[in-house]
Amino acid sequence: MGVIGAKGQAMEMADAIGLARRRASKRRKGRPSCVDCFFHCQMLCALDLDEPCSTFRPNTQDGLVPPRQPSLLLRQTPDEEAARAA
């Protein structure tokens, strides 16, 4: 069974036990909502919020993608700064 078939079955099971997906509401363009979240789309979210929570991850074709990490900036020691100034 492929991913597409499993997703359809998951939705059928959710409907059968009375779970309903949140309906897409009108929202501002460019702002993410829970409907766009990977966890919501995979039915892994147990929260019922009006806006995305801190664990929001966009649902993409590649699956769960970790957020970008900031680049590491190395600090110079006071000795190095003095050597450059001289």
PDB file of N, CA and C in Angstrom:
ATOM      1  N   MET A   1       0.847  -1.168   0.000  1.00  0.00           N
ATOM      2  CA  MET A   1       0.000   0.000   0.000  1.00  0.00           C
ATOM      3  C   MET A   1       0.893   1.232   0.000  1.00  0.00           C
ATOM      4  N   GLY A   2       0.595   2.188  -0.854  1.00  0.00           N
ATOM      5  CA  GLY A   2       1.395   3.393  -0.954  1.00  0.00           C
ATOM      6  C   GLY A   2       0.953   4.445   0.037  1.00  0.00           C
ATOM      7  N   VAL A   3       1.673   5.531   0.047  1.00  0.00           N
ATOM      8  CA  VAL A   3       1.379   6.633   0.958  1.00  0.00           C
ATOM      9  C   VAL A   3       0.007   7.222   0.653  1.00  0.00           C
ATOM     10  N   ILE A   4      -0.336   7.332  -0.624  1.00  0.00           N
ATOM     11  CA  ILE A   4      -1.616   7.922  -1.003  1.00  0.00           C
ATOM     12  C   ILE A   4      -2.769   7.079  -0.471  1.00  0.00           C
ATOM     13  N   GLY A   5      -2.664   5.758  -0.605  1.00  0.00           N
ATOM     14  CA  GLY A   5      -3.710   4.875  -0.112  1.00  0.00           C
ATOM     15  C   GLY A   5      -3.841   4.937   1.399  1.00  0.00           C
ATOM     16  N   ALA A   6      -2.730   5.018   2.098  1.00  0.00           N
ATOM     17  CA  ALA A   6      -2.756   5.081   3.564  1.00  0.00           C
ATOM     18  C   ALA A   6      -3.377   6.383   4.038  1.00  0.00           C
ATOM     19  N   LYS A   7      -3.130   7.476   3.338  1.00  0.00           N
ATOM     20  CA  LYS A   7      -3.700   8.759   3.734  1.00  0.00           C
ATOM     21  C   LYS A   7      -5.211   8.728   3.575  1.00  0.00           C
ATOM     22  N   GLY A   8      -5.690   8.134   2.501  1.00  0.00           N
ATOM     23  CA  GLY A   8      -7.129   8.021   2.293  1.00  0.00           C
ATOM     24  C   GLY A   8      -7.781   7.176   3.375  1.00  0.00           C
ATOM     25  N   GLN A   9      -7.134   6.091   3.752  1.00  0.00           N
ATOM     26  CA  GLN A   9      -7.665   5.241   4.810  1.00  0.00           C
ATOM     27  C   GLN A   9      -7.688   5.969   6.150  1.00  0.00           C
ATOM     28  N   ALA A  10      -6.668   6.748   6.424  1.00  0.00           N
ATOM     29  CA  ALA A  10      -6.615   7.496   7.684  1.00  0.00           C
ATOM     30  C   ALA A  10      -7.783   8.465   7.763  1.00  0.00           C
ATOM     31  N   MET A  11      -8.098   9.138   6.667  1.00  0.00           N
ATOM     32  CA  MET A  11      -9.213  10.080   6.662  1.00  0.00           C
ATOM     33  C   MET A  11     -10.541   9.350   6.846  1.00  0.00           C
ATOM     34  N   GLU A  12     -10.690   8.184   6.216  1.00  0.00           N
ATOM     35  CA  GLU A  12     -11.916   7.404   6.376  1.00  0.00           C
ATOM     36  C   GLU A  12     -12.084   6.957   7.824  1.00  0.00           C
ATOM     37  N   MET A  13     -10.988   6.509   8.450  1.00  0.00           N
ATOM     38  CA  MET A  13     -11.059   6.080   9.843  1.00  0.00           C
ATOM     39  C   MET A  13     -11.406   7.265  10.751  1.00  0.00           C
ATOM     40  N   ALA A  14     -10.814   8.429  10.485  1.00  0.00           N
ATOM     41  CA  ALA A  14     -11.095   9.611  11.301  1.00  0.00           C
ATOM     42  C   ALA A  14     -12.558  10.007  11.184  1.00  0.00           C
ATOM     43  N   ASP A  15     -13.101   9.963   9.977  1.00  0.00           N
ATOM     44  CA  ASP A  15     -14.515  10.282   9.791  1.00  0.00           C
ATOM     45  C   ASP A  15     -15.394   9.268  10.511  1.00  0.00           C
ATOM     46  N   ALA A  16     -14.987   7.994  10.485  1.00  0.00           N
ATOM     47  CA  ALA A  16     -15.783   6.940  11.105  1.00  0.00           C
ATOM     48  C   ALA A  16     -15.863   7.098  12.620  1.00  0.00           C
ATOM     49  N   ILE A  17     -14.806   7.576  13.257  1.00  0.00           N
ATOM     50  CA  ILE A  17     -14.831   7.707  14.719  1.00  0.00           C
ATOM     51  C   ILE A  17     -15.223   9.116  15.165  1.00  0.00           C
ATOM     52  N   GLY A  18     -15.561   9.967  14.205  1.00  0.00           N
ATOM     53  CA  GLY A  18     -16.092  11.277  14.558  1.00  0.00           C
ATOM     54  C   GLY A  18     -15.078  12.393  14.656  1.00  0.00           C
ATOM     55  N   LEU A  19     -13.860  12.177  14.214  1.00  0.00           N
ATOM     56  CA  LEU A  19     -12.875  13.257  14.209  1.00  0.00           C
ATOM     57  C   LEU A  19     -13.087  14.104  12.969  1.00  0.00           C
ATOM     58  N   ALA A  20     -13.061  15.379  13.141  1.00  0.00           N
ATOM     59  CA  ALA A  20     -13.254  16.273  12.008  1.00  0.00           C
ATOM     60  C   ALA A  20     -12.015  17.140  11.846  1.00  0.00           C
ATOM     61  N   ARG A  21     -11.665  17.383  10.619  1.00  0.00           N
ATOM     62  CA  ARG A  21     -10.549  18.296  10.350  1.00  0.00           C
ATOM     63  C   ARG A  21     -11.036  19.716  10.509  1.00  0.00           C
ATOM     64  N   ARG A  22     -10.137  20.573  10.958  1.00  0.00           N
ATOM     65  CA  ARG A  22     -10.486  21.986  11.050  1.00  0.00           C
ATOM     66  C   ARG A  22     -10.697  22.527   9.648  1.00  0.00           C
ATOM     67  N   ARG A  23     -11.693  23.342   9.528  1.00  0.00           N
ATOM     68  CA  ARG A  23     -11.973  23.919   8.220  1.00  0.00           C
ATOM     69  C   ARG A  23     -11.060  25.118   7.993  1.00  0.00           C
ATOM     70  N   ALA A  24     -10.695  25.293   6.746  1.00  0.00           N
ATOM     71  CA  ALA A  24      -9.847  26.434   6.394  1.00  0.00           C
ATOM     72  C   ALA A  24     -10.668  27.708   6.513  1.00  0.00           C
ATOM     73  N   SER A  25     -10.182  28.641   7.281  1.00  0.00           N
ATOM     74  CA  SER A  25     -10.874  29.913   7.426  1.00  0.00           C
ATOM     75  C   SER A  25     -10.142  30.953   6.591  1.00  0.00           C
ATOM     76  N   LYS A  26     -10.822  32.065   6.379  1.00  0.00           N
ATOM     77  CA  LYS A  26     -10.174  33.135   5.634  1.00  0.00           C
ATOM     78  C   LYS A  26      -9.017  33.649   6.470  1.00  0.00           C
ATOM     79  N   ARG A  27      -7.873  33.799   5.843  1.00  0.00           N
ATOM     80  CA  ARG A  27      -6.705  34.268   6.567  1.00  0.00           C
ATOM     81  C   ARG A  27      -5.927  35.220   5.684  1.00  0.00           C
ATOM     82  N   ARG A  28      -5.051  35.946   6.319  1.00  0.00           N
ATOM     83  CA  ARG A  28      -4.224  36.882   5.561  1.00  0.00           C
ATOM     84  C   ARG A  28      -3.236  36.107   4.703  1.00  0.00           C
ATOM     85  N   LYS A  29      -2.997  36.662   3.536  1.00  0.00           N
ATOM     86  CA  LYS A  29      -2.073  36.013   2.612  1.00  0.00           C
ATOM     87  C   LYS A  29      -0.658  36.018   3.192  1.00  0.00           C
ATOM     88  N   GLY A  30       0.012  34.875   3.121  1.00  0.00           N
ATOM     89  CA  GLY A  30       1.382  34.780   3.583  1.00  0.00           C
ATOM     90  C   GLY A  30       1.526  34.304   5.010  1.00  0.00           C
ATOM     91  N   ARG A  31       0.465  34.320   5.789  1.00  0.00           N
ATOM     92  CA  ARG A  31       0.550  33.860   7.173  1.00  0.00           C
ATOM     93  C   ARG A  31       0.163  32.388   7.230  1.00  0.00           C
ATOM     94  N   PRO A  32       0.971  31.562   7.880  1.00  0.00           N
ATOM     95  CA  PRO A  32       0.634  30.141   7.966  1.00  0.00           C
ATOM     96  C   PRO A  32      -0.533  29.904   8.917  1.00  0.00           C
ATOM     97  N   SER A  33      -1.216  28.798   8.707  1.00  0.00           N
ATOM     98  CA  SER A  33      -2.291  28.405   9.613  1.00  0.00           C
ATOM     99  C   SER A  33      -2.095  26.936   9.970  1.00  0.00           C
ATOM    100  N   CYS A  34      -2.876  26.460  10.898  1.00  0.00           N
ATOM    101  CA  CYS A  34      -2.770  25.055  11.301  1.00  0.00           C
ATOM    102  C   CYS A  34      -3.058  24.115  10.141  1.00  0.00           C
ATOM    103  N   VAL A  35      -3.883  24.541   9.196  1.00  0.00           N
ATOM    104  CA  VAL A  35      -4.217  23.704   8.047  1.00  0.00           C
ATOM    105  C   VAL A  35      -2.970  23.452   7.193  1.00  0.00           C
ATOM    106  N   ASP A  36      -1.993  24.349   7.231  1.00  0.00           N
ATOM    107  CA  ASP A  36      -0.754  24.213   6.460  1.00  0.00           C
ATOM    108  C   ASP A  36       0.309  23.409   7.190  1.00  0.00           C
ATOM    109  N   CYS A  37       0.059  23.011   8.430  1.00  0.00           N
ATOM    110  CA  CYS A  37       1.066  22.360   9.263  1.00  0.00           C
ATOM    111  C   CYS A  37       1.193  20.870   8.944  1.00  0.00           C
ATOM    112  N   PHE A  38       2.428  20.364   8.926  1.00  0.00           N
ATOM    113  CA  PHE A  38       2.696  18.947   8.681  1.00  0.00           C
ATOM    114  C   PHE A  38       1.963  18.071   9.689  1.00  0.00           C
ATOM    115  N   PHE A  39       2.027  18.446  10.964  1.00  0.00           N
ATOM    116  CA  PHE A  39       1.412  17.627  12.006  1.00  0.00           C
ATOM    117  C   PHE A  39      -0.105  17.582  11.868  1.00  0.00           C
ATOM    118  N   HIS A  40      -0.720  18.692  11.471  1.00  0.00           N
ATOM    119  CA  HIS A  40      -2.163  18.711  11.262  1.00  0.00           C
ATOM    120  C   HIS A  40      -2.544  17.856  10.051  1.00  0.00           C
ATOM    121  N   CYS A  41      -1.805  17.998   8.966  1.00  0.00           N
ATOM    122  CA  CYS A  41      -2.113  17.243   7.748  1.00  0.00           C
ATOM    123  C   CYS A  41      -1.937  15.743   7.933  1.00  0.00           C
ATOM    124  N   GLN A  42      -1.016  15.337   8.790  1.00  0.00           N
ATOM    125  CA  GLN A  42      -0.780  13.915   9.038  1.00  0.00           C
ATOM    126  C   GLN A  42      -1.610  13.400  10.220  1.00  0.00           C
ATOM    127  N   MET A  43      -2.512  14.259  10.721  1.00  0.00           N
ATOM    128  CA  MET A  43      -3.388  13.942  11.851  1.00  0.00           C
ATOM    129  C   MET A  43      -2.586  13.567  13.096  1.00  0.00           C
ATOM    130  N   LEU A  44      -1.485  14.282  13.336  1.00  0.00           N
ATOM    131  CA  LEU A  44      -0.642  14.070  14.506  1.00  0.00           C
ATOM    132  C   LEU A  44      -0.810  15.170  15.543  1.00  0.00           C
ATOM    133  N   CYS A  45      -1.638  16.158  15.250  1.00  0.00           N
ATOM    134  CA  CYS A  45      -1.820  17.293  16.149  1.00  0.00           C
ATOM    135  C   CYS A  45      -3.059  17.074  17.015  1.00  0.00           C
ATOM    136  N   ALA A  46      -2.904  17.317  18.306  1.00  0.00           N
ATOM    137  CA  ALA A  46      -4.026  17.172  19.238  1.00  0.00           C
ATOM    138  C   ALA A  46      -4.546  18.526  19.697  1.00  0.00           C
ATOM    139  N   LEU A  47      -3.978  19.600  19.181  1.00  0.00           N
ATOM    140  CA  LEU A  47      -4.359  20.946  19.612  1.00  0.00           C
ATOM    141  C   LEU A  47      -5.466  21.495  18.734  1.00  0.00           C
ATOM    142  N   ASP A  48      -6.312  22.305  19.309  1.00  0.00           N
ATOM    143  CA  ASP A  48      -7.364  22.980  18.557  1.00  0.00           C
ATOM    144  C   ASP A  48      -7.202  24.473  18.794  1.00  0.00           C
ATOM    145  N   LEU A  49      -6.288  25.076  18.045  1.00  0.00           N
ATOM    146  CA  LEU A  49      -5.950  26.485  18.222  1.00  0.00           C
ATOM    147  C   LEU A  49      -6.404  27.291  17.023  1.00  0.00           C
ATOM    148  N   ASP A  50      -6.507  28.607  17.204  1.00  0.00           N
ATOM    149  CA  ASP A  50      -6.873  29.496  16.115  1.00  0.00           C
ATOM    150  C   ASP A  50      -5.678  29.871  15.247  1.00  0.00           C
ATOM    151  N   GLU A  51      -4.477  29.739  15.783  1.00  0.00           N
ATOM    152  CA  GLU A  51      -3.269  30.087  15.032  1.00  0.00           C
ATOM    153  C   GLU A  51      -2.215  29.015  15.273  1.00  0.00           C
ATOM    154  N   PRO A  52      -1.208  28.943  14.413  1.00  0.00           N
ATOM    155  CA  PRO A  52      -0.191  27.897  14.552  1.00  0.00           C
ATOM    156  C   PRO A  52       0.560  27.985  15.879  1.00  0.00           C
ATOM    157  N   CYS A  53       0.939  26.833  16.400  1.00  0.00           N
ATOM    158  CA  CYS A  53       1.689  26.787  17.653  1.00  0.00           C
ATOM    159  C   CYS A  53       3.188  26.878  17.366  1.00  0.00           C
ATOM    160  N   SER A  54       3.988  26.791  18.402  1.00  0.00           N
ATOM    161  CA  SER A  54       5.433  26.938  18.250  1.00  0.00           C
ATOM    162  C   SER A  54       6.080  25.763  17.521  1.00  0.00           C
ATOM    163  N   THR A  55       5.378  24.649  17.391  1.00  0.00           N
ATOM    164  CA  THR A  55       5.950  23.485  16.702  1.00  0.00           C
ATOM    165  C   THR A  55       5.525  23.423  15.234  1.00  0.00           C
ATOM    166  N   PHE A  56       4.958  24.493  14.695  1.00  0.00           N
ATOM    167  CA  PHE A  56       4.497  24.522  13.303  1.00  0.00           C
ATOM    168  C   PHE A  56       5.635  24.178  12.349  1.00  0.00           C
ATOM    169  N   ARG A  57       5.386  23.236  11.457  1.00  0.00           N
ATOM    170  CA  ARG A  57       6.306  22.906  10.367  1.00  0.00           C
ATOM    171  C   ARG A  57       5.477  22.822   9.104  1.00  0.00           C
ATOM    172  N   PRO A  58       5.901  23.474   8.025  1.00  0.00           N
ATOM    173  CA  PRO A  58       5.107  23.433   6.798  1.00  0.00           C
ATOM    174  C   PRO A  58       5.012  22.019   6.234  1.00  0.00           C
ATOM    175  N   ASN A  59       3.861  21.712   5.677  1.00  0.00           N
ATOM    176  CA  ASN A  59       3.651  20.420   5.041  1.00  0.00           C
ATOM    177  C   ASN A  59       4.167  20.522   3.607  1.00  0.00           C
ATOM    178  N   THR A  60       5.214  19.783   3.283  1.00  0.00           N
ATOM    179  CA  THR A  60       5.817  19.831   1.959  1.00  0.00           C
ATOM    180  C   THR A  60       5.811  18.452   1.328  1.00  0.00           C
ATOM    181  N   GLN A  61       6.131  18.394   0.051  1.00  0.00           N
ATOM    182  CA  GLN A  61       6.225  17.121  -0.656  1.00  0.00           C
ATOM    183  C   GLN A  61       7.346  16.259  -0.082  1.00  0.00           C
ATOM    184  N   ASP A  62       8.369  16.897   0.495  1.00  0.00           N
ATOM    185  CA  ASP A  62       9.514  16.174   1.054  1.00  0.00           C
ATOM    186  C   ASP A  62       9.238  15.641   2.453  1.00  0.00           C
ATOM    187  N   GLY A  63       8.089  15.951   3.013  1.00  0.00           N
ATOM    188  CA  GLY A  63       7.764  15.493   4.361  1.00  0.00           C
ATOM    189  C   GLY A  63       8.184  16.511   5.391  1.00  0.00           C
ATOM    190  N   LEU A  64       8.549  16.039   6.552  1.00  0.00           N
ATOM    191  CA  LEU A  64       8.931  16.912   7.655  1.00  0.00           C
ATOM    192  C   LEU A  64      10.344  17.436   7.437  1.00  0.00           C
ATOM    193  N   VAL A  65      10.463  18.747   7.302  1.00  0.00           N
ATOM    194  CA  VAL A  65      11.752  19.390   7.061  1.00  0.00           C
ATOM    195  C   VAL A  65      12.099  20.220   8.287  1.00  0.00           C
ATOM    196  N   PRO A  66      13.281  20.023   8.870  1.00  0.00           N
ATOM    197  CA  PRO A  66      13.652  20.801  10.058  1.00  0.00           C
ATOM    198  C   PRO A  66      13.854  22.275   9.699  1.00  0.00           C
ATOM    199  N   PRO A  67      13.641  23.173  10.662  1.00  0.00           N
ATOM    200  CA  PRO A  67      13.846  24.594  10.372  1.00  0.00           C
ATOM    201  C   PRO A  67      15.319  24.898  10.143  1.00  0.00           C
ATOM    202  N   ARG A  68      15.582  25.964   9.389  1.00  0.00           N
ATOM    203  CA  ARG A  68      16.970  26.372   9.144  1.00  0.00           C
ATOM    204  C   ARG A  68      17.591  26.864  10.434  1.00  0.00           C
ATOM    205  N   GLN A  69      18.830  26.505  10.635  1.00  0.00           N
ATOM    206  CA  GLN A  69      19.565  26.939  11.816  1.00  0.00           C
ATOM    207  C   GLN A  69      20.374  28.180  11.476  1.00  0.00           C
ATOM    208  N   PRO A  70      20.502  29.116  12.410  1.00  0.00           N
ATOM    209  CA  PRO A  70      21.325  30.301  12.141  1.00  0.00           C
ATOM    210  C   PRO A  70      22.797  29.907  12.003  1.00  0.00           C
ATOM    211  N   SER A  71      23.522  30.681  11.211  1.00  0.00           N
ATOM    212  CA  SER A  71      24.937  30.376  11.025  1.00  0.00           C
ATOM    213  C   SER A  71      25.726  30.719  12.287  1.00  0.00           C
ATOM    214  N   LEU A  72      26.780  29.989  12.511  1.00  0.00           N
ATOM    215  CA  LEU A  72      27.610  30.174  13.688  1.00  0.00           C
ATOM    216  C   LEU A  72      28.629  31.280  13.423  1.00  0.00           C
ATOM    217  N   LEU A  73      28.656  32.288  14.287  1.00  0.00           N
ATOM    218  CA  LEU A  73      29.613  33.382  14.171  1.00  0.00           C
ATOM    219  C   LEU A  73      30.657  33.225  15.268  1.00  0.00           C
ATOM    220  N   LEU A  74      31.904  33.192  14.884  1.00  0.00           N
ATOM    221  CA  LEU A  74      32.988  33.028  15.853  1.00  0.00           C
ATOM    222  C   LEU A  74      33.428  34.386  16.375  1.00  0.00           C
ATOM    223  N   ARG A  75      33.594  34.477  17.665  1.00  0.00           N
ATOM    224  CA  ARG A  75      34.059  35.713  18.289  1.00  0.00           C
ATOM    225  C   ARG A  75      35.576  35.724  18.339  1.00  0.00           C
ATOM    226  N   GLN A  76      36.128  36.924  18.264  1.00  0.00           N
ATOM    227  CA  GLN A  76      37.574  37.062  18.387  1.00  0.00           C
ATOM    228  C   GLN A  76      37.926  37.312  19.849  1.00  0.00           C
ATOM    229  N   THR A  77      39.045  36.769  20.278  1.00  0.00           N
ATOM    230  CA  THR A  77      39.511  36.988  21.646  1.00  0.00           C
ATOM    231  C   THR A  77      40.081  38.409  21.730  1.00  0.00           C
ATOM    232  N   PRO A  78      40.157  38.979  22.922  1.00  0.00           N
ATOM    233  CA  PRO A  78      40.739  40.328  23.066  1.00  0.00           C
ATOM    234  C   PRO A  78      42.177  40.408  22.548  1.00  0.00           C
ATOM    235  N   ASP A  79      42.961  39.312  22.665  1.00  0.00           N
ATOM    236  CA  ASP A  79      44.335  39.322  22.168  1.00  0.00           C
ATOM    237  C   ASP A  79      44.366  39.482  20.641  1.00  0.00           C
ATOM    238  N   GLU A  80      43.461  38.810  19.947  1.00  0.00           N
ATOM    239  CA  GLU A  80      43.397  38.902  18.485  1.00  0.00           C
ATOM    240  C   GLU A  80      42.984  40.298  18.049  1.00  0.00           C
ATOM    241  N   GLU A  81      42.043  40.905  18.768  1.00  0.00           N
ATOM    242  CA  GLU A  81      41.597  42.258  18.440  1.00  0.00           C
ATOM    243  C   GLU A  81      42.740  43.247  18.617  1.00  0.00           C
ATOM    244  N   ALA A  82      43.550  43.109  19.688  1.00  0.00           N
ATOM    245  CA  ALA A  82      44.662  44.008  19.946  1.00  0.00           C
ATOM    246  C   ALA A  82      45.733  43.834  18.869  1.00  0.00           C
ATOM    247  N   ALA A  83      45.969  42.604  18.445  1.00  0.00           N
ATOM    248  CA  ALA A  83      46.969  42.337  17.409  1.00  0.00           C
ATOM    249  C   ALA A  83      46.557  42.962  16.086  1.00  0.00           C
ATOM    250  N   ARG A  84      45.279  42.967  15.755  1.00  0.00           N
ATOM    251  CA  ARG A  84      44.800  43.560  14.504  1.00  0.00           C
ATOM    252  C   ARG A  84      44.892  45.093  14.566  1.00  0.00           C
ATOM    253  N   ALA A  85      44.647  45.657  15.744  1.00  0.00           N
ATOM    254  CA  ALA A  85      44.663  47.113  15.891  1.00  0.00           C
ATOM    255  C   ALA A  85      46.085  47.664  15.787  1.00  0.00           C
ATOM    256  N   ALA A  86      47.070  46.848  16.146  1.00  0.00           N
ATOM    257  CA  ALA A  86      48.444  47.336  16.157  1.00  0.00           C
ATOM    258  C   ALA A  86      49.083  47.334  14.800  1.00  0.00           C
TER     259      ALA A  86
END
